[in-house]
């Protein structure tokens, strides 16, 4: 029984080390991320659609495609809020949702030119 335990001990140590490294949050990586936000409008968003995209997943896909087309390296993208539109009929009225994007540091001028603001 002791001869079986000797080879298993180092294997368990290796597996624990691999698991521990893979479970580290992204914030501990060597890459610095910048966070930007964009308030969705009813119909004046540069990627089109505006408030016509009813689910968050559809909006996330539209924004991700738009940013990729403009060579913005998106690390993480999410939509916060819900469709609680302002009581106005203009395209620039906000829908109540905010697009939050994490990008690799150094893309500030490019993403800000697209209407996103640093958070």
PDB file of N, CA and C in Angstrom:
ATOM      1  N   UNK A   1       0.810  -1.191   0.000  1.00  0.00           N
ATOM      2  CA  UNK A   1       0.000   0.000   0.000  1.00  0.00           C
ATOM      3  C   UNK A   1       0.860   1.263   0.000  1.00  0.00           C
ATOM      4  N   UNK A   2       1.983   1.246   0.702  1.00  0.00           N
ATOM      5  CA  UNK A   2       2.856   2.406   0.759  1.00  0.00           C
ATOM      6  C   UNK A   2       3.483   2.703  -0.596  1.00  0.00           C
ATOM      7  N   UNK A   3       3.763   1.698  -1.407  1.00  0.00           N
ATOM      8  CA  UNK A   3       4.363   1.928  -2.712  1.00  0.00           C
ATOM      9  C   UNK A   3       3.392   2.625  -3.656  1.00  0.00           C
ATOM     10  N   UNK A   4       2.095   2.428  -3.493  1.00  0.00           N
ATOM     11  CA  UNK A   4       1.109   3.121  -4.329  1.00  0.00           C
ATOM     12  C   UNK A   4       0.961   4.576  -3.934  1.00  0.00           C
ATOM     13  N   UNK A   5       1.140   4.918  -2.694  1.00  0.00           N
ATOM     14  CA  UNK A   5       0.955   6.277  -2.208  1.00  0.00           C
ATOM     15  C   UNK A   5       2.079   7.205  -2.658  1.00  0.00           C
ATOM     16  N   UNK A   6       3.283   6.683  -2.797  1.00  0.00           N
ATOM     17  CA  UNK A   6       4.402   7.538  -3.173  1.00  0.00           C
ATOM     18  C   UNK A   6       4.192   8.201  -4.540  1.00  0.00           C
ATOM     19  N   UNK A   7       3.815   7.467  -5.609  1.00  0.00           N
ATOM     20  CA  UNK A   7       3.630   8.128  -6.889  1.00  0.00           C
ATOM     21  C   UNK A   7       2.388   9.029  -6.925  1.00  0.00           C
ATOM     22  N   UNK A   8       1.405   8.728  -6.094  1.00  0.00           N
ATOM     23  CA  UNK A   8       0.166   9.508  -6.102  1.00  0.00           C
ATOM     24  C   UNK A   8       0.356  10.862  -5.431  1.00  0.00           C
ATOM     25  N   UNK A   9       1.223  10.935  -4.419  1.00  0.00           N
ATOM     26  CA  UNK A   9       1.456  12.186  -3.691  1.00  0.00           C
ATOM     27  C   UNK A   9       1.884  13.330  -4.611  1.00  0.00           C
ATOM     28  N   UNK A  10       2.956  13.157  -5.408  1.00  0.00           N
ATOM     29  CA  UNK A  10       3.356  14.234  -6.322  1.00  0.00           C
ATOM     30  C   UNK A  10       2.285  14.560  -7.362  1.00  0.00           C
ATOM     31  N   UNK A  11       1.525  13.571  -7.800  1.00  0.00           N
ATOM     32  CA  UNK A  11       0.468  13.805  -8.770  1.00  0.00           C
ATOM     33  C   UNK A  11      -0.612  14.704  -8.181  1.00  0.00           C
ATOM     34  N   UNK A  12      -0.986  14.451  -6.948  1.00  0.00           N
ATOM     35  CA  UNK A  12      -1.989  15.289  -6.284  1.00  0.00           C
ATOM     36  C   UNK A  12      -1.470  16.716  -6.141  1.00  0.00           C
ATOM     37  N   UNK A  13      -0.197  16.865  -5.787  1.00  0.00           N
ATOM     38  CA  UNK A  13       0.397  18.195  -5.665  1.00  0.00           C
ATOM     39  C   UNK A  13       0.362  18.937  -6.998  1.00  0.00           C
ATOM     40  N   UNK A  14       0.688  18.252  -8.093  1.00  0.00           N
ATOM     41  CA  UNK A  14       0.661  18.865  -9.424  1.00  0.00           C
ATOM     42  C   UNK A  14      -0.758  19.270  -9.805  1.00  0.00           C
ATOM     43  N   UNK A  15      -1.727  18.388  -9.571  1.00  0.00           N
ATOM     44  CA  UNK A  15      -3.117  18.707  -9.888  1.00  0.00           C
ATOM     45  C   UNK A  15      -3.626  19.884  -9.074  1.00  0.00           C
ATOM     46  N   UNK A  16      -3.256  19.963  -7.794  1.00  0.00           N
ATOM     47  CA  UNK A  16      -3.661  21.081  -6.962  1.00  0.00           C
ATOM     48  C   UNK A  16      -3.072  22.383  -7.491  1.00  0.00           C
ATOM     49  N   UNK A  17      -1.814  22.357  -7.892  1.00  0.00           N
ATOM     50  CA  UNK A  17      -1.154  23.552  -8.420  1.00  0.00           C
ATOM     51  C   UNK A  17      -1.812  24.013  -9.706  1.00  0.00           C
ATOM     52  N   UNK A  18      -2.118  23.099 -10.607  1.00  0.00           N
ATOM     53  CA  UNK A  18      -2.771  23.459 -11.863  1.00  0.00           C
ATOM     54  C   UNK A  18      -4.145  24.052 -11.596  1.00  0.00           C
ATOM     55  N   UNK A  19      -4.910  23.431 -10.720  1.00  0.00           N
ATOM     56  CA  UNK A  19      -6.240  23.920 -10.392  1.00  0.00           C
ATOM     57  C   UNK A  19      -6.163  25.303  -9.764  1.00  0.00           C
ATOM     58  N   UNK A  20      -5.211  25.504  -8.860  1.00  0.00           N
ATOM     59  CA  UNK A  20      -5.072  26.795  -8.193  1.00  0.00           C
ATOM     60  C   UNK A  20      -4.738  27.895  -9.194  1.00  0.00           C
ATOM     61  N   UNK A  21      -3.884  27.628 -10.151  1.00  0.00           N
ATOM     62  CA  UNK A  21      -3.516  28.640 -11.152  1.00  0.00           C
ATOM     63  C   UNK A  21      -4.690  28.985 -12.048  1.00  0.00           C
ATOM     64  N   UNK A  22      -5.489  27.998 -12.426  1.00  0.00           N
ATOM     65  CA  UNK A  22      -6.617  28.247 -13.312  1.00  0.00           C
ATOM     66  C   UNK A  22      -7.768  28.948 -12.617  1.00  0.00           C
ATOM     67  N   UNK A  23      -7.812  28.931 -11.301  1.00  0.00           N
ATOM     68  CA  UNK A  23      -8.935  29.532 -10.602  1.00  0.00           C
ATOM     69  C   UNK A  23      -8.675  30.983 -10.220  1.00  0.00           C
ATOM     70  N   UNK A  24      -7.502  31.522 -10.529  1.00  0.00           N
ATOM     71  CA  UNK A  24      -7.223  32.908 -10.202  1.00  0.00           C
ATOM     72  C   UNK A  24      -8.129  33.831 -11.002  1.00  0.00           C
ATOM     73  N   UNK A  25      -8.683  34.867 -10.375  1.00  0.00           N
ATOM     74  CA  UNK A  25      -9.509  35.820 -11.116  1.00  0.00           C
ATOM     75  C   UNK A  25      -8.670  36.557 -12.150  1.00  0.00           C
ATOM     76  N   UNK A  26      -9.309  37.046 -13.197  1.00  0.00           N
ATOM     77  CA  UNK A  26      -8.601  37.730 -14.279  1.00  0.00           C
ATOM     78  C   UNK A  26      -7.872  38.966 -13.776  1.00  0.00           C
ATOM     79  N   UNK A  27      -8.378  39.590 -12.737  1.00  0.00           N
ATOM     80  CA  UNK A  27      -7.766  40.812 -12.235  1.00  0.00           C
ATOM     81  C   UNK A  27      -6.342  40.577 -11.724  1.00  0.00           C
ATOM     82  N   UNK A  28      -5.981  39.325 -11.450  1.00  0.00           N
ATOM     83  CA  UNK A  28      -4.636  39.034 -11.003  1.00  0.00           C
ATOM     84  C   UNK A  28      -3.678  38.794 -12.167  1.00  0.00           C
ATOM     85  N   UNK A  29      -4.175  38.853 -13.365  1.00  0.00           N
ATOM     86  CA  UNK A  29      -3.320  38.643 -14.528  1.00  0.00           C
ATOM     87  C   UNK A  29      -2.412  39.857 -14.709  1.00  0.00           C
ATOM     88  N   UNK A  30      -1.458  39.735 -15.581  1.00  0.00           N
ATOM     89  CA  UNK A  30      -0.509  40.822 -15.808  1.00  0.00           C
ATOM     90  C   UNK A  30      -1.040  41.897 -16.740  1.00  0.00           C
ATOM     91  N   UNK A  31      -2.246  41.735 -17.247  1.00  0.00           N
ATOM     92  CA  UNK A  31      -2.833  42.685 -18.181  1.00  0.00           C
ATOM     93  C   UNK A  31      -3.694  43.681 -17.418  1.00  0.00           C
ATOM     94  N   UNK A  32      -3.493  44.962 -17.677  1.00  0.00           N
ATOM     95  CA  UNK A  32      -4.302  46.005 -17.054  1.00  0.00           C
ATOM     96  C   UNK A  32      -5.541  46.248 -17.907  1.00  0.00           C
ATOM     97  N   UNK A  33      -6.709  46.250 -17.282  1.00  0.00           N
ATOM     98  CA  UNK A  33      -7.956  46.484 -18.003  1.00  0.00           C
ATOM     99  C   UNK A  33      -8.514  47.857 -17.686  1.00  0.00           C
ATOM    100  N   UNK A  34      -9.152  48.454 -18.666  1.00  0.00           N
ATOM    101  CA  UNK A  34      -9.867  49.711 -18.491  1.00  0.00           C
ATOM    102  C   UNK A  34     -11.348  49.435 -18.655  1.00  0.00           C
ATOM    103  N   UNK A  35     -12.167  50.140 -17.865  1.00  0.00           N
ATOM    104  CA  UNK A  35     -13.611  49.932 -17.868  1.00  0.00           C
ATOM    105  C   UNK A  35     -14.304  51.155 -18.476  1.00  0.00           C
ATOM    106  N   UNK A  36     -15.219  50.877 -19.418  1.00  0.00           N
ATOM    107  CA  UNK A  36     -15.958  51.942 -20.099  1.00  0.00           C
ATOM    108  C   UNK A  36     -17.451  51.639 -20.084  1.00  0.00           C
ATOM    109  N   UNK A  37     -18.241  52.696 -20.126  1.00  0.00           N
ATOM    110  CA  UNK A  37     -19.683  52.523 -20.143  1.00  0.00           C
ATOM    111  C   UNK A  37     -20.332  53.333 -21.251  1.00  0.00           C
ATOM    112  N   UNK A  38     -21.507  52.890 -21.646  1.00  0.00           N
ATOM    113  CA  UNK A  38     -22.283  53.576 -22.677  1.00  0.00           C
ATOM    114  C   UNK A  38     -23.758  53.433 -22.314  1.00  0.00           C
ATOM    115  N   UNK A  39     -24.467  54.544 -22.239  1.00  0.00           N
ATOM    116  CA  UNK A  39     -25.901  54.513 -21.962  1.00  0.00           C
ATOM    117  C   UNK A  39     -26.642  54.271 -23.278  1.00  0.00           C
ATOM    118  N   UNK A  40     -27.349  53.150 -23.348  1.00  0.00           N
ATOM    119  CA  UNK A  40     -28.099  52.817 -24.563  1.00  0.00           C
ATOM    120  C   UNK A  40     -29.212  53.841 -24.776  1.00  0.00           C
ATOM    121  N   UNK A  41     -29.424  54.203 -26.020  1.00  0.00           N
ATOM    122  CA  UNK A  41     -30.503  55.126 -26.370  1.00  0.00           C
ATOM    123  C   UNK A  41     -31.605  54.379 -27.106  1.00  0.00           C
ATOM    124  N   UNK A  42     -32.713  55.085 -27.345  1.00  0.00           N
ATOM    125  CA  UNK A  42     -33.837  54.432 -28.009  1.00  0.00           C
ATOM    126  C   UNK A  42     -33.551  54.119 -29.471  1.00  0.00           C
ATOM    127  N   UNK A  43     -32.758  54.957 -30.141  1.00  0.00           N
ATOM    128  CA  UNK A  43     -32.449  54.635 -31.547  1.00  0.00           C
ATOM    129  C   UNK A  43     -31.239  55.386 -32.087  1.00  0.00           C
ATOM    130  N   UNK A  44     -30.380  55.939 -31.215  1.00  0.00           N
ATOM    131  CA  UNK A  44     -29.234  56.709 -31.699  1.00  0.00           C
ATOM    132  C   UNK A  44     -27.897  56.035 -31.389  1.00  0.00           C
ATOM    133  N   UNK A  45     -27.902  54.738 -31.168  1.00  0.00           N
ATOM    134  CA  UNK A  45     -26.657  54.035 -30.874  1.00  0.00           C
ATOM    135  C   UNK A  45     -25.900  53.745 -32.163  1.00  0.00           C
ATOM    136  N   UNK A  46     -24.562  53.851 -32.122  1.00  0.00           N
ATOM    137  CA  UNK A  46     -23.781  53.673 -33.347  1.00  0.00           C
ATOM    138  C   UNK A  46     -23.865  52.278 -33.958  1.00  0.00           C
ATOM    139  N   UNK A  47     -24.214  51.263 -33.173  1.00  0.00           N
ATOM    140  CA  UNK A  47     -24.316  49.892 -33.696  1.00  0.00           C
ATOM    141  C   UNK A  47     -25.699  49.594 -34.215  1.00  0.00           C
ATOM    142  N   UNK A  48     -26.601  50.573 -34.171  1.00  0.00           N
ATOM    143  CA  UNK A  48     -27.969  50.374 -34.648  1.00  0.00           C
ATOM    144  C   UNK A  48     -28.814  49.702 -33.593  1.00  0.00           C
ATOM    145  N   UNK A  49     -30.029  49.409 -33.938  1.00  0.00           N
ATOM    146  CA  UNK A  49     -30.903  48.692 -33.010  1.00  0.00           C
ATOM    147  C   UNK A  49     -31.475  49.557 -31.925  1.00  0.00           C
ATOM    148  N   UNK A  50     -30.626  50.077 -31.054  1.00  0.00           N
ATOM    149  CA  UNK A  50     -31.110  50.853 -29.916  1.00  0.00           C
ATOM    150  C   UNK A  50     -32.057  50.031 -29.074  1.00  0.00           C
ATOM    151  N   UNK A  51     -33.128  50.626 -28.635  1.00  0.00           N
ATOM    152  CA  UNK A  51     -34.101  49.954 -27.791  1.00  0.00           C
ATOM    153  C   UNK A  51     -34.867  48.848 -28.481  1.00  0.00           C
ATOM    154  N   UNK A  52     -34.626  48.639 -29.779  1.00  0.00           N
ATOM    155  CA  UNK A  52     -35.361  47.586 -30.484  1.00  0.00           C
ATOM    156  C   UNK A  52     -34.857  46.185 -30.139  1.00  0.00           C
ATOM    157  N   UNK A  53     -33.655  46.088 -29.581  1.00  0.00           N
ATOM    158  CA  UNK A  53     -33.126  44.799 -29.136  1.00  0.00           C
ATOM    159  C   UNK A  53     -33.642  44.592 -27.716  1.00  0.00           C
ATOM    160  N   UNK A  54     -34.568  43.653 -27.553  1.00  0.00           N
ATOM    161  CA  UNK A  54     -35.238  43.527 -26.271  1.00  0.00           C
ATOM    162  C   UNK A  54     -34.465  42.748 -25.219  1.00  0.00           C
ATOM    163  N   UNK A  55     -33.626  41.799 -25.608  1.00  0.00           N
ATOM    164  CA  UNK A  55     -32.901  41.042 -24.593  1.00  0.00           C
ATOM    165  C   UNK A  55     -31.442  41.487 -24.515  1.00  0.00           C
ATOM    166  N   UNK A  56     -30.874  41.306 -23.336  1.00  0.00           N
ATOM    167  CA  UNK A  56     -29.496  41.738 -23.091  1.00  0.00           C
ATOM    168  C   UNK A  56     -28.497  40.971 -23.943  1.00  0.00           C
ATOM    169  N   UNK A  57     -28.743  39.694 -24.173  1.00  0.00           N
ATOM    170  CA  UNK A  57     -27.816  38.889 -24.975  1.00  0.00           C
ATOM    171  C   UNK A  57     -27.719  39.413 -26.404  1.00  0.00           C
ATOM    172  N   UNK A  58     -28.851  39.787 -26.984  1.00  0.00           N
ATOM    173  CA  UNK A  58     -28.847  40.340 -28.342  1.00  0.00           C
ATOM    174  C   UNK A  58     -28.085  41.649 -28.408  1.00  0.00           C
ATOM    175  N   UNK A  59     -28.269  42.490 -27.392  1.00  0.00           N
ATOM    176  CA  UNK A  59     -27.548  43.759 -27.343  1.00  0.00           C
ATOM    177  C   UNK A  59     -26.054  43.513 -27.178  1.00  0.00           C
ATOM    178  N   UNK A  60     -25.687  42.580 -26.314  1.00  0.00           N
ATOM    179  CA  UNK A  60     -24.276  42.269 -26.122  1.00  0.00           C
ATOM    180  C   UNK A  60     -23.626  41.810 -27.424  1.00  0.00           C
ATOM    181  N   UNK A  61     -24.336  40.984 -28.195  1.00  0.00           N
ATOM    182  CA  UNK A  61     -23.808  40.511 -29.480  1.00  0.00           C
ATOM    183  C   UNK A  61     -23.632  41.669 -30.457  1.00  0.00           C
ATOM    184  N   UNK A  62     -24.630  42.563 -30.533  1.00  0.00           N
ATOM    185  CA  UNK A  62     -24.530  43.711 -31.444  1.00  0.00           C
ATOM    186  C   UNK A  62     -23.344  44.595 -31.092  1.00  0.00           C
ATOM    187  N   UNK A  63     -23.183  44.896 -29.804  1.00  0.00           N
ATOM    188  CA  UNK A  63     -22.096  45.774 -29.366  1.00  0.00           C
ATOM    189  C   UNK A  63     -20.748  45.100 -29.579  1.00  0.00           C
ATOM    190  N   UNK A  64     -20.638  43.818 -29.258  1.00  0.00           N
ATOM    191  CA  UNK A  64     -19.381  43.089 -29.448  1.00  0.00           C
ATOM    192  C   UNK A  64     -18.956  43.106 -30.913  1.00  0.00           C
ATOM    193  N   UNK A  65     -19.900  42.867 -31.806  1.00  0.00           N
ATOM    194  CA  UNK A  65     -19.600  42.895 -33.247  1.00  0.00           C
ATOM    195  C   UNK A  65     -19.161  44.290 -33.671  1.00  0.00           C
ATOM    196  N   UNK A  66     -19.869  45.298 -33.207  1.00  0.00           N
ATOM    197  CA  UNK A  66     -19.533  46.693 -33.541  1.00  0.00           C
ATOM    198  C   UNK A  66     -18.114  47.031 -33.080  1.00  0.00           C
ATOM    199  N   UNK A  67     -17.772  46.671 -31.842  1.00  0.00           N
ATOM    200  CA  UNK A  67     -16.447  46.985 -31.321  1.00  0.00           C
ATOM    201  C   UNK A  67     -15.359  46.195 -32.042  1.00  0.00           C
ATOM    202  N   UNK A  68     -15.622  44.945 -32.365  1.00  0.00           N
ATOM    203  CA  UNK A  68     -14.657  44.143 -33.136  1.00  0.00           C
ATOM    204  C   UNK A  68     -14.418  44.763 -34.506  1.00  0.00           C
ATOM    205  N   UNK A  69     -15.485  45.255 -35.144  1.00  0.00           N
ATOM    206  CA  UNK A  69     -15.356  45.899 -36.451  1.00  0.00           C
ATOM    207  C   UNK A  69     -14.494  47.158 -36.379  1.00  0.00           C
ATOM    208  N   UNK A  70     -14.388  47.745 -35.181  1.00  0.00           N
ATOM    209  CA  UNK A  70     -13.577  48.947 -34.978  1.00  0.00           C
ATOM    210  C   UNK A  70     -12.263  48.624 -34.255  1.00  0.00           C
ATOM    211  N   UNK A  71     -11.862  47.364 -34.304  1.00  0.00           N
ATOM    212  CA  UNK A  71     -10.582  46.903 -33.754  1.00  0.00           C
ATOM    213  C   UNK A  71     -10.407  47.197 -32.264  1.00  0.00           C
ATOM    214  N   UNK A  72     -11.497  47.101 -31.510  1.00  0.00           N
ATOM    215  CA  UNK A  72     -11.436  47.237 -30.055  1.00  0.00           C
ATOM    216  C   UNK A  72     -11.384  45.833 -29.470  1.00  0.00           C
ATOM    217  N   UNK A  73     -10.353  45.550 -28.713  1.00  0.00           N
ATOM    218  CA  UNK A  73     -10.195  44.234 -28.098  1.00  0.00           C
ATOM    219  C   UNK A  73     -10.993  44.131 -26.810  1.00  0.00           C
ATOM    220  N   UNK A  74     -12.175  43.588 -26.885  1.00  0.00           N
ATOM    221  CA  UNK A  74     -13.054  43.459 -25.725  1.00  0.00           C
ATOM    222  C   UNK A  74     -12.670  42.228 -24.918  1.00  0.00           C
ATOM    223  N   UNK A  75     -12.453  42.411 -23.620  1.00  0.00           N
ATOM    224  CA  UNK A  75     -12.158  41.305 -22.730  1.00  0.00           C
ATOM    225  C   UNK A  75     -13.451  40.814 -22.094  1.00  0.00           C
ATOM    226  N   UNK A  76     -14.300  41.746 -21.700  1.00  0.00           N
ATOM    227  CA  UNK A  76     -15.581  41.399 -21.085  1.00  0.00           C
ATOM    228  C   UNK A  76     -16.594  42.468 -21.446  1.00  0.00           C
ATOM    229  N   UNK A  77     -17.833  42.042 -21.681  1.00  0.00           N
ATOM    230  CA  UNK A  77     -18.903  42.966 -22.039  1.00  0.00           C
ATOM    231  C   UNK A  77     -20.172  42.506 -21.325  1.00  0.00           C
ATOM    232  N   UNK A  78     -20.885  43.442 -20.708  1.00  0.00           N
ATOM    233  CA  UNK A  78     -22.138  43.091 -20.056  1.00  0.00           C
ATOM    234  C   UNK A  78     -23.102  44.267 -20.150  1.00  0.00           C
ATOM    235  N   UNK A  79     -24.380  43.966 -19.982  1.00  0.00           N
ATOM    236  CA  UNK A  79     -25.421  44.984 -20.004  1.00  0.00           C
ATOM    237  C   UNK A  79     -26.052  45.039 -18.625  1.00  0.00           C
ATOM    238  N   UNK A  80     -26.094  46.238 -18.060  1.00  0.00           N
ATOM    239  CA  UNK A  80     -26.716  46.446 -16.756  1.00  0.00           C
ATOM    240  C   UNK A  80     -28.021  47.202 -16.932  1.00  0.00           C
ATOM    241  N   UNK A  81     -28.963  46.973 -16.034  1.00  0.00           N
ATOM    242  CA  UNK A  81     -30.220  47.711 -16.046  1.00  0.00           C
ATOM    243  C   UNK A  81     -31.299  46.991 -16.820  1.00  0.00           C
ATOM    244  N   UNK A  82     -32.409  47.694 -17.006  1.00  0.00           N
ATOM    245  CA  UNK A  82     -33.536  47.127 -17.731  1.00  0.00           C
ATOM    246  C   UNK A  82     -34.153  48.202 -18.630  1.00  0.00           C
ATOM    247  N   UNK A  83     -35.104  47.796 -19.429  1.00  0.00           N
ATOM    248  CA  UNK A  83     -35.748  48.733 -20.350  1.00  0.00           C
ATOM    249  C   UNK A  83     -36.770  49.583 -19.601  1.00  0.00           C
ATOM    250  N   UNK A  84     -36.296  50.652 -19.010  1.00  0.00           N
ATOM    251  CA  UNK A  84     -37.173  51.606 -18.332  1.00  0.00           C
ATOM    252  C   UNK A  84     -36.973  52.959 -19.000  1.00  0.00           C
ATOM    253  N   UNK A  85     -37.392  53.038 -20.234  1.00  0.00           N
ATOM    254  CA  UNK A  85     -37.138  54.209 -21.077  1.00  0.00           C
ATOM    255  C   UNK A  85     -37.690  55.486 -20.468  1.00  0.00           C
ATOM    256  N   UNK A  86     -36.976  56.580 -20.750  1.00  0.00           N
ATOM    257  CA  UNK A  86     -37.444  57.899 -20.353  1.00  0.00           C
ATOM    258  C   UNK A  86     -38.746  58.207 -21.077  1.00  0.00           C
ATOM    259  N   UNK A  87     -39.515  59.090 -20.507  1.00  0.00           N
ATOM    260  CA  UNK A  87     -40.776  59.496 -21.134  1.00  0.00           C
ATOM    261  C   UNK A  87     -40.490  60.587 -22.161  1.00  0.00           C
ATOM    262  N   UNK A  88     -39.934  60.178 -23.272  1.00  0.00           N
ATOM    263  CA  UNK A  88     -39.712  61.123 -24.378  1.00  0.00           C
ATOM    264  C   UNK A  88     -39.667  60.330 -25.677  1.00  0.00           C
ATOM    265  N   UNK A  89     -39.905  60.984 -26.764  1.00  0.00           N
ATOM    266  CA  UNK A  89     -39.986  60.290 -28.048  1.00  0.00           C
ATOM    267  C   UNK A  89     -38.750  60.455 -28.909  1.00  0.00           C
ATOM    268  N   UNK A  90     -37.687  61.053 -28.376  1.00  0.00           N
ATOM    269  CA  UNK A  90     -36.497  61.295 -29.182  1.00  0.00           C
ATOM    270  C   UNK A  90     -35.550  60.110 -29.210  1.00  0.00           C
ATOM    271  N   UNK A  91     -34.797  60.016 -30.290  1.00  0.00           N
ATOM    272  CA  UNK A  91     -33.826  58.927 -30.434  1.00  0.00           C
ATOM    273  C   UNK A  91     -32.750  58.975 -29.361  1.00  0.00           C
ATOM    274  N   UNK A  92     -32.431  60.161 -28.878  1.00  0.00           N
ATOM    275  CA  UNK A  92     -31.349  60.271 -27.901  1.00  0.00           C
ATOM    276  C   UNK A  92     -31.796  59.937 -26.480  1.00  0.00           C
ATOM    277  N   UNK A  93     -33.070  59.668 -26.259  1.00  0.00           N
ATOM    278  CA  UNK A  93     -33.553  59.295 -24.929  1.00  0.00           C
ATOM    279  C   UNK A  93     -32.974  57.941 -24.532  1.00  0.00           C
ATOM    280  N   UNK A  94     -32.571  57.828 -23.285  1.00  0.00           N
ATOM    281  CA  UNK A  94     -31.959  56.595 -22.809  1.00  0.00           C
ATOM    282  C   UNK A  94     -33.004  55.520 -22.527  1.00  0.00           C
ATOM    283  N   UNK A  95     -32.589  54.265 -22.679  1.00  0.00           N
ATOM    284  CA  UNK A  95     -33.492  53.132 -22.466  1.00  0.00           C
ATOM    285  C   UNK A  95     -33.491  52.640 -21.027  1.00  0.00           C
ATOM    286  N   UNK A  96     -32.485  53.012 -20.255  1.00  0.00           N
ATOM    287  CA  UNK A  96     -32.347  52.509 -18.898  1.00  0.00           C
ATOM    288  C   UNK A  96     -31.290  51.425 -18.778  1.00  0.00           C
ATOM    289  N   UNK A  97     -30.679  51.048 -19.897  1.00  0.00           N
ATOM    290  CA  UNK A  97     -29.622  50.032 -19.861  1.00  0.00           C
ATOM    291  C   UNK A  97     -28.271  50.683 -20.145  1.00  0.00           C
ATOM    292  N   UNK A  98     -27.251  50.135 -19.508  1.00  0.00           N
ATOM    293  CA  UNK A  98     -25.889  50.603 -19.719  1.00  0.00           C
ATOM    294  C   UNK A  98     -25.029  49.439 -20.195  1.00  0.00           C
ATOM    295  N   UNK A  99     -24.267  49.673 -21.240  1.00  0.00           N
ATOM    296  CA  UNK A  99     -23.313  48.686 -21.746  1.00  0.00           C
ATOM    297  C   UNK A  99     -21.985  48.944 -21.036  1.00  0.00           C
ATOM    298  N   UNK A 100     -21.452  47.929 -20.379  1.00  0.00           N
ATOM    299  CA  UNK A 100     -20.177  48.041 -19.675  1.00  0.00           C
ATOM    300  C   UNK A 100     -19.174  47.149 -20.400  1.00  0.00           C
ATOM    301  N   UNK A 101     -18.029  47.742 -20.742  1.00  0.00           N
ATOM    302  CA  UNK A 101     -17.010  47.042 -21.521  1.00  0.00           C
ATOM    303  C   UNK A 101     -15.667  47.143 -20.812  1.00  0.00           C
ATOM    304  N   UNK A 102     -14.983  46.009 -20.727  1.00  0.00           N
ATOM    305  CA  UNK A 102     -13.608  45.975 -20.213  1.00  0.00           C
ATOM    306  C   UNK A 102     -12.689  45.722 -21.402  1.00  0.00           C
ATOM    307  N   UNK A 103     -11.727  46.616 -21.578  1.00  0.00           N
ATOM    308  CA  UNK A 103     -10.786  46.489 -22.686  1.00  0.00           C
ATOM    309  C   UNK A 103      -9.358  46.541 -22.152  1.00  0.00           C
ATOM    310  N   UNK A 104      -8.432  46.050 -22.951  1.00  0.00           N
ATOM    311  CA  UNK A 104      -7.025  46.091 -22.581  1.00  0.00           C
ATOM    312  C   UNK A 104      -6.574  47.546 -22.565  1.00  0.00           C
ATOM    313  N   UNK A 105      -5.796  47.873 -21.563  1.00  0.00           N
ATOM    314  CA  UNK A 105      -5.287  49.234 -21.399  1.00  0.00           C
ATOM    315  C   UNK A 105      -4.634  49.736 -22.698  1.00  0.00           C
ATOM    316  N   UNK A 106      -4.808  51.000 -23.001  1.00  0.00           N
ATOM    317  CA  UNK A 106      -4.182  51.593 -24.174  1.00  0.00           C
ATOM    318  C   UNK A 106      -5.133  51.821 -25.335  1.00  0.00           C
ATOM    319  N   UNK A 107      -6.416  51.532 -25.153  1.00  0.00           N
ATOM    320  CA  UNK A 107      -7.391  51.720 -26.229  1.00  0.00           C
ATOM    321  C   UNK A 107      -8.331  52.890 -25.939  1.00  0.00           C
ATOM    322  N   UNK A 108      -7.928  53.757 -25.011  1.00  0.00           N
ATOM    323  CA  UNK A 108      -8.794  54.839 -24.553  1.00  0.00           C
ATOM    324  C   UNK A 108      -9.294  55.727 -25.684  1.00  0.00           C
ATOM    325  N   UNK A 109      -8.398  56.242 -26.495  1.00  0.00           N
ATOM    326  CA  UNK A 109      -8.828  57.180 -27.534  1.00  0.00           C
ATOM    327  C   UNK A 109      -9.756  56.512 -28.542  1.00  0.00           C
ATOM    328  N   UNK A 110      -9.495  55.258 -28.870  1.00  0.00           N
ATOM    329  CA  UNK A 110     -10.318  54.553 -29.857  1.00  0.00           C
ATOM    330  C   UNK A 110     -11.735  54.298 -29.336  1.00  0.00           C
ATOM    331  N   UNK A 111     -11.854  53.828 -28.099  1.00  0.00           N
ATOM    332  CA  UNK A 111     -13.194  53.504 -27.589  1.00  0.00           C
ATOM    333  C   UNK A 111     -13.958  54.769 -27.204  1.00  0.00           C
ATOM    334  N   UNK A 112     -13.253  55.791 -26.746  1.00  0.00           N
ATOM    335  CA  UNK A 112     -13.927  57.052 -26.435  1.00  0.00           C
ATOM    336  C   UNK A 112     -14.432  57.735 -27.703  1.00  0.00           C
ATOM    337  N   UNK A 113     -13.736  57.558 -28.807  1.00  0.00           N
ATOM    338  CA  UNK A 113     -14.197  58.115 -30.085  1.00  0.00           C
ATOM    339  C   UNK A 113     -15.501  57.468 -30.526  1.00  0.00           C
ATOM    340  N   UNK A 114     -15.803  56.278 -30.005  1.00  0.00           N
ATOM    341  CA  UNK A 114     -17.044  55.568 -30.347  1.00  0.00           C
ATOM    342  C   UNK A 114     -18.185  55.907 -29.391  1.00  0.00           C
ATOM    343  N   UNK A 115     -17.938  56.815 -28.447  1.00  0.00           N
ATOM    344  CA  UNK A 115     -18.996  57.274 -27.542  1.00  0.00           C
ATOM    345  C   UNK A 115     -19.007  56.640 -26.169  1.00  0.00           C
ATOM    346  N   UNK A 116     -18.042  55.783 -25.863  1.00  0.00           N
ATOM    347  CA  UNK A 116     -17.956  55.176 -24.541  1.00  0.00           C
ATOM    348  C   UNK A 116     -17.214  56.121 -23.602  1.00  0.00           C
ATOM    349  N   UNK A 117     -17.584  56.073 -22.315  1.00  0.00           N
ATOM    350  CA  UNK A 117     -16.940  56.928 -21.315  1.00  0.00           C
ATOM    351  C   UNK A 117     -16.260  56.072 -20.269  1.00  0.00           C
ATOM    352  N   UNK A 118     -15.089  56.549 -19.814  1.00  0.00           N
ATOM    353  CA  UNK A 118     -14.350  55.827 -18.770  1.00  0.00           C
ATOM    354  C   UNK A 118     -15.175  55.800 -17.492  1.00  0.00           C
ATOM    355  N   UNK A 119     -15.091  54.674 -16.806  1.00  0.00           N
ATOM    356  CA  UNK A 119     -15.844  54.517 -15.553  1.00  0.00           C
ATOM    357  C   UNK A 119     -14.883  54.415 -14.382  1.00  0.00           C
TER     358      UNK A 119
END
